[in-house]
Structure formats: structure tokens, C-alpha cells
Amino acid sequence: MTDAVTRAAEVLKEHRESIDRLDAILVYTLGERFKHTQAVGKLKAEHDLPPSDPNREAAQIARLEDLAKRADLDPEFAKKFLNFIIAEVIQHHKKHQA
């Protein structure tokens, strides 16, 4: 292999190691987030509160879009990601209501 190809392989390996660490951070962060949303779901069920809070969800989406812009992340992607999480959380909350 040429020096350039060898160096490219080393840089690729470094990027992939960073990606792997970041993926682990995302998984653990989502795990922690869902622990809290499960507790919220139980609390809502105990107090007969609705599983969904459209005002809170809209505020969170707007906040995340702003954070995404500041982080140089596509705000539409961030919005889709949060909508996916919110939908999952609402399903969990509905299970607690049943």
C-alpha cells in the first residue's frame, strides 16, 4: 500500500472509532431519557392525565430545531428524530393508562 492509502486507512479507523463511541453515547442517553419518560407515563396514569401534551411537544420540537441549527445539524432531521421519540413515548404512556 502507498503511504497515502495507509494514512487514509488510519484516518478512517479513527473516524469509525469516534462514531462507535458516539453511538454508545446515543444509546445510553436514549436509555436514560426513556427511564424518565416511563416515570412520567406512570405519573400521568396515576393522576389520570392525558398521555400526550401537544403544547409541550410543539415547544420541544421548536427547541430541538433551534439546537440543531446551532449544532450544524439538519433541523428537519432533528424534527423527524424527535417526532419518532415522542410517538414512542406516547405509546408507552398509553400502555400505562390501560
C-alpha atoms as a PDB file:
ATOM      1  CA  MET A   1       0.000   0.000   0.000  1.00  0.00           C
ATOM      2  CA  THR A   2       1.101   3.522  -0.613  1.00  0.00           C
ATOM      3  CA  ASP A   3       1.723   5.934   2.244  1.00  0.00           C
ATOM      4  CA  ALA A   4      -1.379   7.912   1.262  1.00  0.00           C
ATOM      5  CA  VAL A   5      -3.581   4.796   1.311  1.00  0.00           C
ATOM      6  CA  THR A   6      -2.104   3.668   4.625  1.00  0.00           C
ATOM      7  CA  ARG A   7      -2.729   7.095   6.152  1.00  0.00           C
ATOM      8  CA  ALA A   8      -6.280   7.145   4.756  1.00  0.00           C
ATOM      9  CA  ALA A   9      -6.926   3.745   6.360  1.00  0.00           C
ATOM     10  CA  GLU A  10      -5.645   5.076   9.708  1.00  0.00           C
ATOM     11  CA  VAL A  11      -7.846   8.177   9.488  1.00  0.00           C
ATOM     12  CA  LEU A  12     -10.830   6.007   8.532  1.00  0.00           C
ATOM     13  CA  LYS A  13     -10.192   3.791  11.551  1.00  0.00           C
ATOM     14  CA  GLU A  14     -10.049   6.854  13.835  1.00  0.00           C
ATOM     15  CA  HIS A  15     -13.343   8.199  12.441  1.00  0.00           C
ATOM     16  CA  ARG A  16     -15.014   4.827  12.890  1.00  0.00           C
ATOM     17  CA  GLU A  17     -13.787   4.561  16.487  1.00  0.00           C
ATOM     18  CA  SER A  18     -15.259   8.001  17.196  1.00  0.00           C
ATOM     19  CA  ILE A  19     -18.529   7.024  15.529  1.00  0.00           C
ATOM     20  CA  ASP A  20     -18.676   3.863  17.661  1.00  0.00           C
ATOM     21  CA  ARG A  21     -18.156   5.894  20.855  1.00  0.00           C
ATOM     22  CA  LEU A  22     -20.822   8.390  19.813  1.00  0.00           C
ATOM     23  CA  ASP A  23     -23.265   5.575  19.004  1.00  0.00           C
ATOM     24  CA  ALA A  24     -22.728   4.213  22.519  1.00  0.00           C
ATOM     25  CA  ILE A  25     -23.376   7.674  23.974  1.00  0.00           C
ATOM     26  CA  LEU A  26     -26.608   7.939  21.949  1.00  0.00           C
ATOM     27  CA  VAL A  27     -27.846   4.532  23.111  1.00  0.00           C
ATOM     28  CA  TYR A  28     -27.108   5.217  26.785  1.00  0.00           C
ATOM     29  CA  THR A  29     -28.590   8.713  26.506  1.00  0.00           C
ATOM     30  CA  LEU A  30     -31.786   7.343  24.964  1.00  0.00           C
ATOM     31  CA  GLY A  31     -31.921   4.695  27.680  1.00  0.00           C
ATOM     32  CA  GLU A  32     -31.714   7.380  30.350  1.00  0.00           C
ATOM     33  CA  ARG A  33     -34.279   9.528  28.568  1.00  0.00           C
ATOM     34  CA  PHE A  34     -36.752   6.643  28.358  1.00  0.00           C
ATOM     35  CA  LYS A  35     -36.325   5.887  32.074  1.00  0.00           C
ATOM     36  CA  HIS A  36     -37.612   9.398  32.756  1.00  0.00           C
ATOM     37  CA  THR A  37     -40.403   9.234  30.197  1.00  0.00           C
ATOM     38  CA  GLN A  38     -41.536   5.899  31.682  1.00  0.00           C
ATOM     39  CA  ALA A  39     -41.723   7.586  35.094  1.00  0.00           C
ATOM     40  CA  VAL A  40     -43.694  10.448  33.548  1.00  0.00           C
ATOM     41  CA  GLY A  41     -46.075   7.932  31.953  1.00  0.00           C
ATOM     42  CA  LYS A  42     -46.686   6.220  35.275  1.00  0.00           C
ATOM     43  CA  LEU A  43     -47.239   9.565  36.985  1.00  0.00           C
ATOM     44  CA  LYS A  44     -49.716  10.629  34.287  1.00  0.00           C
ATOM     45  CA  ALA A  45     -51.576   7.321  34.593  1.00  0.00           C
ATOM     46  CA  GLU A  46     -51.768   7.608  38.392  1.00  0.00           C
ATOM     47  CA  HIS A  47     -53.257  11.090  38.111  1.00  0.00           C
ATOM     48  CA  ASP A  48     -55.437  10.434  35.064  1.00  0.00           C
ATOM     49  CA  LEU A  49     -53.524  12.902  32.890  1.00  0.00           C
ATOM     50  CA  PRO A  50     -53.544  12.565  29.100  1.00  0.00           C
ATOM     51  CA  PRO A  51     -50.633  10.613  27.583  1.00  0.00           C
ATOM     52  CA  SER A  52     -49.908  13.398  25.111  1.00  0.00           C
ATOM     53  CA  ASP A  53     -49.130  17.084  25.771  1.00  0.00           C
ATOM     54  CA  PRO A  54     -49.280  18.853  22.380  1.00  0.00           C
ATOM     55  CA  ASN A  55     -48.079  22.200  23.773  1.00  0.00           C
ATOM     56  CA  ARG A  56     -45.013  20.599  25.379  1.00  0.00           C
ATOM     57  CA  GLU A  57     -44.325  18.575  22.229  1.00  0.00           C
ATOM     58  CA  ALA A  58     -44.500  21.668  19.998  1.00  0.00           C
ATOM     59  CA  ALA A  59     -42.184  23.588  22.341  1.00  0.00           C
ATOM     60  CA  GLN A  60     -39.721  20.684  22.406  1.00  0.00           C
ATOM     61  CA  ILE A  61     -39.703  20.429  18.614  1.00  0.00           C
ATOM     62  CA  ALA A  62     -39.058  24.160  18.270  1.00  0.00           C
ATOM     63  CA  ARG A  63     -36.296  23.958  20.878  1.00  0.00           C
ATOM     64  CA  LEU A  64     -34.696  20.982  19.157  1.00  0.00           C
ATOM     65  CA  GLU A  65     -34.851  22.684  15.759  1.00  0.00           C
ATOM     66  CA  ASP A  66     -33.018  25.669  17.241  1.00  0.00           C
ATOM     67  CA  LEU A  67     -30.420  23.407  18.865  1.00  0.00           C
ATOM     68  CA  ALA A  68     -29.964  21.557  15.577  1.00  0.00           C
ATOM     69  CA  LYS A  69     -29.294  24.793  13.706  1.00  0.00           C
ATOM     70  CA  ARG A  70     -26.700  25.811  16.294  1.00  0.00           C
ATOM     71  CA  ALA A  71     -25.112  22.341  16.119  1.00  0.00           C
ATOM     72  CA  ASP A  72     -24.971  22.484  12.302  1.00  0.00           C
ATOM     73  CA  LEU A  73     -27.421  19.579  12.065  1.00  0.00           C
ATOM     74  CA  ASP A  74     -30.272  19.500   9.569  1.00  0.00           C
ATOM     75  CA  PRO A  75     -33.273  20.816  11.565  1.00  0.00           C
ATOM     76  CA  GLU A  76     -35.673  18.637   9.542  1.00  0.00           C
ATOM     77  CA  PHE A  77     -33.719  15.545  10.531  1.00  0.00           C
ATOM     78  CA  ALA A  78     -33.766  16.649  14.175  1.00  0.00           C
ATOM     79  CA  LYS A  79     -37.518  17.262  13.965  1.00  0.00           C
ATOM     80  CA  LYS A  80     -38.162  13.810  12.455  1.00  0.00           C
ATOM     81  CA  PHE A  81     -35.957  12.212  15.106  1.00  0.00           C
ATOM     82  CA  LEU A  82     -37.788  13.937  17.967  1.00  0.00           C
ATOM     83  CA  ASN A  83     -41.191  13.154  16.436  1.00  0.00           C
ATOM     84  CA  PHE A  84     -40.183   9.480  16.325  1.00  0.00           C
ATOM     85  CA  ILE A  85     -39.162   9.580  20.003  1.00  0.00           C
ATOM     86  CA  ILE A  86     -42.331  11.455  21.014  1.00  0.00           C
ATOM     87  CA  ALA A  87     -44.516   8.903  19.215  1.00  0.00           C
ATOM     88  CA  GLU A  88     -42.739   6.085  21.057  1.00  0.00           C
ATOM     89  CA  VAL A  89     -43.125   7.844  24.399  1.00  0.00           C
ATOM     90  CA  ILE A  90     -46.840   8.441  23.819  1.00  0.00           C
ATOM     91  CA  GLN A  91     -47.296   4.730  23.067  1.00  0.00           C
ATOM     92  CA  HIS A  92     -45.569   3.898  26.361  1.00  0.00           C
ATOM     93  CA  HIS A  93     -47.800   6.369  28.185  1.00  0.00           C
ATOM     94  CA  LYS A  94     -50.905   4.858  26.629  1.00  0.00           C
ATOM     95  CA  LYS A  95     -49.812   1.411  27.856  1.00  0.00           C
ATOM     96  CA  HIS A  96     -49.607   2.803  31.401  1.00  0.00           C
ATOM     97  CA  GLN A  97     -53.126   4.228  31.002  1.00  0.00           C
ATOM     98  CA  ALA A  98     -54.564   0.826  30.024  1.00  0.00           C
END
